[in-house]
Structure formats: C-alpha cells, structure tokens
Protein backbone atom coordinates (compact mmCIF):
# COMPACT_ATOMS: atom_id res chain seq x y z
CA MET A 1 -18.97 -20.52 -19.07
CA THR A 2 -20.93 -21.43 -15.95
CA GLY A 3 -20.06 -24.95 -14.85
CA ALA A 4 -17.33 -25.59 -17.43
CA PRO A 5 -13.72 -25.42 -16.18
CA ILE A 6 -11.96 -22.19 -17.13
CA ARG A 7 -9.12 -23.01 -19.50
CA LEU A 8 -5.98 -21.17 -18.38
CA ALA A 9 -2.62 -20.44 -19.94
CA VAL A 10 0.21 -19.47 -17.59
CA VAL A 11 2.63 -17.03 -19.20
CA GLY A 12 6.01 -17.12 -17.46
CA LEU A 13 7.32 -20.18 -15.63
CA GLY A 14 9.73 -18.75 -13.11
CA LYS A 15 9.92 -19.37 -9.37
CA ILE A 16 6.56 -17.82 -8.44
CA ALA A 17 4.70 -19.78 -11.12
CA HIS A 18 6.16 -23.12 -10.01
CA ASP A 19 5.95 -22.43 -6.27
CA GLN A 20 2.49 -20.88 -6.13
CA HIS A 21 0.45 -20.61 -9.33
CA LEU A 22 0.68 -24.13 -10.72
CA PRO A 23 -0.18 -25.87 -7.41
CA ALA A 24 -3.12 -23.51 -6.80
CA ILE A 25 -4.48 -24.10 -10.31
CA ALA A 26 -4.14 -27.87 -9.93
CA ALA A 27 -6.09 -27.75 -6.65
CA ASN A 28 -9.05 -25.81 -8.11
CA SER A 29 -11.64 -27.95 -9.90
CA SER A 30 -13.02 -24.85 -11.70
CA LEU A 31 -9.72 -24.41 -13.55
CA ASP A 32 -7.95 -26.37 -16.25
CA LEU A 33 -4.31 -25.70 -17.11
CA ALA A 34 -4.60 -25.75 -20.89
CA ALA A 35 -1.16 -24.38 -21.85
CA THR A 36 2.05 -22.79 -20.60
CA VAL A 37 4.15 -20.11 -22.27
CA SER A 38 7.82 -19.29 -21.77
CA PRO A 39 10.79 -18.74 -24.07
CA HIS A 40 13.23 -19.54 -21.26
CA HIS A 41 11.73 -22.45 -19.30
CA GLY A 42 10.37 -25.81 -20.33
CA GLY A 43 6.75 -26.66 -19.79
CA VAL A 44 5.11 -29.12 -17.42
CA ALA A 45 4.24 -32.73 -18.12
CA THR A 46 1.23 -33.40 -20.39
CA THR A 47 0.48 -29.67 -20.87
CA PRO A 48 1.06 -28.03 -24.29
CA HIS A 49 3.92 -25.53 -24.10
CA PHE A 50 4.70 -22.55 -26.36
CA ALA A 51 7.62 -20.16 -26.67
CA SER A 52 5.37 -17.10 -27.00
CA LEU A 53 1.79 -16.04 -26.39
CA GLY A 54 1.50 -15.31 -30.11
CA ASP A 55 2.40 -18.93 -30.90
CA LEU A 56 -0.22 -20.16 -28.45
CA LEU A 57 -2.94 -17.91 -29.85
CA ALA A 58 -2.07 -18.91 -33.42
CA ASP A 59 -1.64 -22.66 -33.08
CA GLY A 60 -2.52 -23.74 -29.56
CA PRO A 61 -5.56 -25.12 -27.78
CA ALA A 62 -8.55 -22.94 -26.97
CA ILE A 63 -8.17 -20.91 -23.78
CA ASP A 64 -10.42 -18.60 -21.79
CA ALA A 65 -7.88 -16.74 -19.66
CA VAL A 66 -4.18 -16.03 -19.19
CA VAL A 67 -2.16 -15.66 -16.02
CA ILE A 68 0.81 -13.34 -16.53
CA CYS A 69 3.78 -14.09 -14.28
CA ILE A 70 6.58 -12.42 -16.22
CA PRO A 71 8.51 -9.40 -14.84
CA PRO A 72 6.44 -6.20 -14.79
CA GLN A 73 8.65 -4.30 -17.24
CA VAL A 74 7.44 -6.45 -20.16
CA ARG A 75 3.95 -7.30 -18.99
CA TYR A 76 1.81 -4.65 -20.70
CA ASP A 77 2.09 -5.82 -24.32
CA LEU A 78 1.20 -9.43 -23.48
CA ALA A 79 -1.74 -8.40 -21.31
CA ALA A 80 -3.01 -6.07 -24.05
CA GLN A 81 -2.62 -8.84 -26.62
CA ALA A 82 -4.66 -11.23 -24.49
CA LEU A 83 -7.39 -8.66 -23.79
CA ALA A 84 -7.62 -7.87 -27.50
CA ARG A 85 -8.46 -11.53 -28.09
CA GLY A 86 -11.28 -11.39 -25.54
CA LEU A 87 -9.39 -13.34 -22.88
CA HIS A 88 -9.62 -12.78 -19.15
CA VAL A 89 -6.31 -11.71 -17.57
CA PHE A 90 -4.79 -12.29 -14.13
CA LEU A 91 -1.79 -10.05 -13.41
CA GLU A 92 0.73 -11.21 -10.81
CA LYS A 93 1.77 -8.39 -8.51
CA PRO A 94 2.81 -5.70 -9.16
CA PRO A 95 0.24 -5.41 -11.96
CA GLY A 96 2.57 -3.35 -14.15
CA ALA A 97 5.70 -1.24 -14.30
CA THR A 98 3.68 2.01 -14.22
CA VAL A 99 0.33 3.14 -12.88
CA ALA A 100 -0.67 4.55 -16.27
CA GLU A 101 -0.22 1.28 -18.15
CA VAL A 102 -2.38 -0.57 -15.63
CA ALA A 103 -5.07 2.08 -16.07
CA ALA A 104 -4.86 1.57 -19.84
CA LEU A 105 -5.28 -2.20 -19.42
CA SER A 106 -8.25 -1.65 -17.12
CA ASN A 107 -9.91 0.57 -19.71
CA GLN A 108 -9.24 -2.01 -22.42
CA ALA A 109 -10.72 -4.80 -20.30
CA GLN A 110 -13.83 -2.73 -19.62
CA ALA A 111 -14.28 -1.98 -23.31
CA SER A 112 -13.83 -5.67 -24.17
CA GLY A 113 -16.20 -6.89 -21.46
CA VAL A 114 -13.66 -9.25 -19.91
CA THR A 115 -12.11 -9.67 -16.46
CA LEU A 116 -8.85 -8.02 -15.48
CA PHE A 117 -7.61 -9.05 -12.02
CA ALA A 118 -4.68 -7.39 -10.24
CA GLY A 119 -3.76 -10.20 -7.87
CA TRP A 120 -2.46 -8.79 -4.58
CA HIS A 121 -1.72 -12.17 -3.02
CA SER A 122 -0.87 -10.89 0.48
CA ARG A 123 -4.46 -9.67 0.92
CA PHE A 124 -5.47 -13.32 0.93
CA ALA A 125 -3.31 -14.21 3.93
CA PRO A 126 -5.62 -15.61 6.63
CA GLY A 127 -5.11 -12.83 9.18
CA VAL A 128 -5.81 -9.94 6.84
CA GLU A 129 -9.60 -9.90 6.64
CA PRO A 130 -10.06 -10.42 10.42
CA ALA A 131 -7.61 -7.55 10.97
CA ARG A 132 -9.64 -5.30 8.67
CA GLU A 133 -12.82 -6.13 10.56
CA TRP A 134 -11.22 -5.55 13.99
CA LEU A 135 -9.80 -2.15 12.99
CA SER A 136 -13.11 -0.89 11.61
CA GLY A 137 -14.42 1.97 13.75
CA LYS A 138 -11.33 2.22 15.96
CA ARG A 139 -9.12 5.28 16.38
CA LEU A 140 -5.63 4.66 15.07
CA ASP A 141 -2.76 6.14 17.09
CA ARG A 142 0.27 4.74 15.26
CA VAL A 143 1.09 2.25 12.50
CA ALA A 144 4.52 0.65 12.00
CA ILE A 145 5.39 -1.61 9.05
CA VAL A 146 8.62 -3.63 9.11
CA TRP A 147 9.20 -5.72 5.97
CA ARG A 148 12.73 -7.14 5.85
CA GLU A 149 13.84 -10.19 3.91
CA ASP A 150 16.87 -11.77 2.27
CA VAL A 151 16.83 -11.08 -1.48
CA ARG A 152 19.28 -13.95 -2.04
CA VAL A 153 16.70 -16.40 -0.69
CA TRP A 154 13.55 -15.02 -2.33
CA HIS A 155 14.89 -13.68 -5.63
CA PRO A 156 18.06 -15.64 -6.42
CA GLY A 157 19.71 -14.46 -9.62
CA GLN A 158 16.69 -12.40 -10.71
CA ALA A 159 18.43 -9.46 -12.36
CA TRP A 160 15.14 -7.88 -13.49
CA ILE A 161 14.28 -6.89 -9.92
CA TRP A 162 17.24 -4.46 -9.85
CA GLU A 163 16.35 -2.79 -13.16
CA PRO A 164 14.08 0.26 -13.60
CA GLY A 165 10.51 -0.95 -13.14
CA GLY A 166 11.64 -4.00 -11.14
CA LEU A 167 11.04 -2.09 -7.87
CA GLY A 168 13.97 -3.51 -5.89
CA VAL A 169 12.99 -3.80 -2.23
CA PHE A 170 9.53 -2.51 -3.09
CA ASP A 171 8.79 -5.85 -4.78
CA PRO A 172 8.19 -7.37 -1.33
CA GLY A 173 7.36 -3.98 0.20
CA ILE A 174 4.36 -3.58 -2.09
CA ASN A 175 2.91 -6.69 -0.43
CA ALA A 176 2.85 -4.81 2.87
CA LEU A 177 1.24 -1.82 1.16
CA SER A 178 -1.38 -4.08 -0.40
CA ILE A 179 -2.32 -5.23 3.11
CA ALA A 180 -2.20 -1.75 4.65
CA THR A 181 -4.40 -0.18 1.97
CA HIS A 182 -6.90 -2.98 2.57
CA ILE A 183 -7.07 -3.07 6.38
CA LEU A 184 -6.55 0.55 7.46
CA PRO A 185 -9.81 2.52 7.71
CA HIS A 186 -8.49 5.76 6.17
CA ALA A 187 -6.64 6.57 2.96
CA PHE A 188 -2.98 7.46 3.47
CA PHE A 189 -0.24 9.18 1.51
CA LEU A 190 3.53 9.61 1.51
CA THR A 191 5.14 12.54 3.32
CA ALA A 192 8.84 11.55 3.24
CA ALA A 193 11.10 8.73 2.07
CA THR A 194 14.75 7.77 1.81
CA LEU A 195 15.68 5.16 -0.80
CA SER A 196 19.03 3.38 -0.45
CA ILE A 197 20.31 2.34 -3.88
CA PRO A 198 23.43 0.19 -4.32
CA ALA A 199 26.15 1.80 -6.42
CA ASN A 200 25.84 -0.95 -9.04
CA ARG A 201 22.04 -1.16 -9.17
CA ALA A 202 19.14 0.94 -10.45
CA ALA A 203 16.58 0.03 -7.76
CA PRO A 204 16.66 0.39 -3.97
CA ILE A 205 17.87 -2.29 -1.60
CA ALA A 206 16.31 -0.56 1.42
CA ALA A 207 13.88 2.25 2.14
CA ASP A 208 12.52 4.24 5.08
CA LEU A 209 9.14 5.86 4.51
CA VAL A 210 6.70 8.02 6.42
CA PHE A 211 3.02 8.23 5.52
CA ARG A 212 0.09 10.07 7.06
CA ASP A 213 -3.54 9.08 6.83
CA THR A 214 -6.41 11.48 6.35
CA ALA A 215 -7.15 11.38 10.09
CA GLY A 216 -3.59 12.49 10.88
CA THR A 217 -2.17 9.13 11.99
CA ALA A 218 1.54 8.56 11.32
CA ILE A 219 2.49 5.41 9.44
CA THR A 220 6.15 4.38 9.23
CA MET A 221 7.63 1.75 6.95
CA ASP A 222 11.03 0.04 7.17
CA LEU A 223 12.06 -2.03 4.12
CA ASP A 224 15.32 -3.92 3.71
CA PHE A 225 16.46 -6.61 1.27
CA ARG A 226 19.58 -7.45 3.35
CA GLN A 227 17.92 -9.30 6.23
CA THR A 228 19.50 -12.63 7.13
CA GLY A 229 18.23 -15.24 9.55
CA PRO A 230 14.56 -14.89 10.56
CA GLN A 231 12.59 -12.73 8.14
CA SER A 232 10.37 -9.84 9.27
CA TRP A 233 6.96 -9.24 7.68
CA ASP A 234 5.07 -7.34 10.37
CA ILE A 235 2.42 -4.61 10.64
CA THR A 236 1.68 -3.17 14.10
CA VAL A 237 -1.31 -0.87 14.70
CA ASP A 238 -1.81 0.92 18.02
CA THR A 239 -5.48 1.87 18.54
CA ASP A 240 -7.82 3.09 21.25
CA GLY A 241 -8.84 -0.56 21.65
CA GLY A 242 -5.33 -1.94 22.07
CA THR A 243 -2.60 -3.13 19.72
CA LEU A 244 -3.04 -5.30 16.64
CA THR A 245 -0.08 -7.06 15.04
CA LEU A 246 -0.07 -8.92 11.75
CA SER A 247 3.06 -11.05 11.44
CA SER A 248 4.46 -13.65 9.06
CA GLY A 249 3.15 -11.62 6.13
CA GLY A 250 -0.42 -11.72 7.41
CA ALA A 251 -0.58 -15.39 8.39
CA VAL A 252 -0.62 -14.66 12.14
CA LEU A 253 -2.89 -12.07 13.76
CA HIS A 254 -2.27 -10.92 17.33
CA LEU A 255 -5.17 -9.11 18.99
CA PRO A 256 -5.33 -7.85 22.59
CA ASP A 257 -7.33 -10.90 23.67
CA ALA A 258 -6.56 -13.50 21.03
CA ILE A 259 -4.07 -14.94 18.56
CA VAL A 260 -5.31 -16.16 15.19
CA ALA A 261 -2.85 -18.32 13.27
CA HIS A 262 -3.35 -20.37 10.14
CA ASP A 263 -1.13 -22.12 7.64
CA GLU A 264 -3.50 -21.52 4.74
CA ARG A 265 -1.78 -20.49 1.53
CA GLU A 266 -2.68 -17.27 -0.24
CA TYR A 267 -2.84 -18.38 -3.87
CA PRO A 268 -5.83 -20.74 -3.59
CA GLY A 269 -7.81 -17.71 -2.40
CA LEU A 270 -6.50 -15.63 -5.29
CA TYR A 271 -7.66 -18.19 -7.83
CA ALA A 272 -11.04 -18.60 -6.15
CA ARG A 273 -11.48 -14.83 -6.52
CA PHE A 274 -10.38 -14.95 -10.18
CA VAL A 275 -12.97 -17.65 -10.89
CA ASP A 276 -15.71 -15.60 -9.21
CA LEU A 277 -14.75 -12.47 -11.13
CA ILE A 278 -14.88 -14.33 -14.45
CA ARG A 279 -18.22 -15.96 -13.65
CA ASP A 280 -19.69 -12.56 -12.69
CA CYS A 281 -18.02 -10.64 -15.57
CA ARG A 282 -16.34 -8.24 -13.14
CA ARG A 283 -12.93 -6.54 -12.94
CA GLU A 284 -10.79 -5.93 -9.86
CA VAL A 285 -7.86 -3.58 -10.45
CA ASP A 286 -6.68 -1.73 -7.34
CA THR A 287 -3.62 0.39 -8.12
CA ARG A 288 -3.27 2.04 -4.68
CA PRO A 289 -0.24 -0.02 -3.60
CA LEU A 290 1.52 0.73 -6.90
CA GLN A 291 0.64 4.44 -6.62
CA LEU A 292 2.28 4.62 -3.19
CA VAL A 293 5.45 3.01 -4.55
CA ALA A 294 5.45 5.41 -7.49
CA ASP A 295 5.12 8.30 -5.02
CA ALA A 296 8.15 6.99 -3.12
CA PHE A 297 10.25 7.16 -6.29
CA LEU A 298 8.75 10.58 -7.11
CA ARG A 299 9.21 12.21 -3.72
CA GLY A 300 11.85 10.10 -1.97
CA ARG A 301 15.42 11.21 -1.37
CA GLN A 302 17.88 8.80 -2.99
CA GLN A 303 21.16 7.87 -1.35
CA ILE A 304 23.86 5.66 -2.89
CA VAL A 305 25.10 2.81 -0.71
CA GLU A 306 27.71 0.10 -1.19
CA ALA A 307 27.45 -2.15 -4.22
CA PHE A 308 25.45 -5.35 -3.88
CA ASP A 309 26.04 -8.62 -5.74
CA ASP A 310 24.06 -11.85 -5.60
C-alpha cells in the first residue's frame, strides 16, 4: 500500500465525525474517503453511503480501513467484522465499552496482521508531548486534574452517554486520563472515588477521584458535567522543578519559565499516526485510561443526586 492513498470508510456520522474526523481525513493526502456508513444519518456529497457495514462490505467500493465513531456499547461487533475481513481499524475513544472486549479485538488484529488503533485524541494536543518531556526525571509532589464541562453543549441529546457503557462524565474525563497516563513518569492507580449519579440516569454526572502513583504521589481528579460558562480542562503538576499546568485540554502549556500555546487541532495528528501504523503494519492499543475508568466503577462509592434532563 506504500504510496497509494488509504481508502477509508467512516462508520457513524454523528457530531464527532462531522466536526473532527471528516475534516481531518479531507486534509490528509494519504487518505481517501471511500464510503460512509450510518443507519441514522445521511452521507456526504459524492461519497457512497450505506446503511450498514455489512451492506458496504457486500456491495460497496473497495476499502482498506474503517474508522468506527459509533457509541462504545455497540462498537465491538463492527470492529470484529472489519478485522475479520482484513481491514485496518481506527477506534474513536473510548475504544470499547469494556477492557476485555478491546483486548479481544487487539488479539484478533494481531492474528490477522492488520492495524488496530485506539485513538486517544487528547494525547495529540500540542502541549502534551512537551509536557511529557519536561516532566521526565523530575520528582512529582502533587497532581491535580480538573475536567469540567457542560454536557448540554458537548453532547446535546446523546442519550447513549447516560446508559451503561456510555461512561457519563467519564466520556470527557477519560481524555484527561489519556493525557495523564502519557505524561506522568510513573504508573498510577485508584485509591478512592465518589460517583454522583442522577436519579434518572445510569451513568455519573460528576466524580471525585484519588489516585496514587508508584512513587507515592497523590493525584486528585474533579469531574463534572454541569459546568456552565468557561469550561475547565486543566492538569496541574507540582514538581521539584516548579509547577507545570496543561490547560484548554492540552492546547496550552504553562511552564515555570515559558508558556507554549498553539491552535493546532488534534485529529490531523491522530490520522497521521493511523497512516504511519498502517504503513508499518503496527498496532497501538493502550487500554490504561479505560482500565482506570473501569476501576472507578469497580471501587467507587456511588451516590444518587437530583435528576438531570437535557
């Protein structure tokens, strides 16, 4: 496939596909949008559209890879179907509804010799890699994560996010964990959590968590889906070399002697990585952020709070 554009099918045409995936694909000369799949949304101009992945595989144009943007609760079967046909697969975050199903997909991809990519988009924010480099070799004294946003703005009318497997406030919170697991120098694990679940929902609207890394550093996390006004996507790390702050979801990096700010978008970097993985016949499936969320549901104390309606 070297040199030829990679023919992609995008499965699921909701908000994230239209806002992020389709523009990033269009901007990458190594990719060709060959088809779209959705039973609920129409396609895009001049691109063949199918109601199901089965219809595409039976009667559609040739493709090399699929990008799966549907809710995580129903993602496994479509990913497994694509891998069984020898197609490369890009999983929007979170990569699945359970850790075990993602492990099964990874094993299937390895056996088939194709790429499986768990796309943690927040790791491609411009401040993340410089933050990782700056923290390397430093002693961490304290880490505080505050990730608060307005669910009505970012997930309007998306009922799936409140169902089991939809993660609730951990849908954005897992973005913070994808950054933290990438930039912090030591592995960390959950020691306590409180999950606030609306009386009419199955997933949390807020959560307070405490982690500890293997060097003994405390890591706190404050998640809330009820934020209005300015949104908060911040990670602060106190070290023996001063304080580092990643804000705006990783777009702005504050160091003791510098501020690094960019307006680069994350998804072009994601697709560049997907292309490289396919060209090199490699897989990249990091389940650590999902494991930490699973641990929160396993160990966290649940409290019922007032009902929430969109």
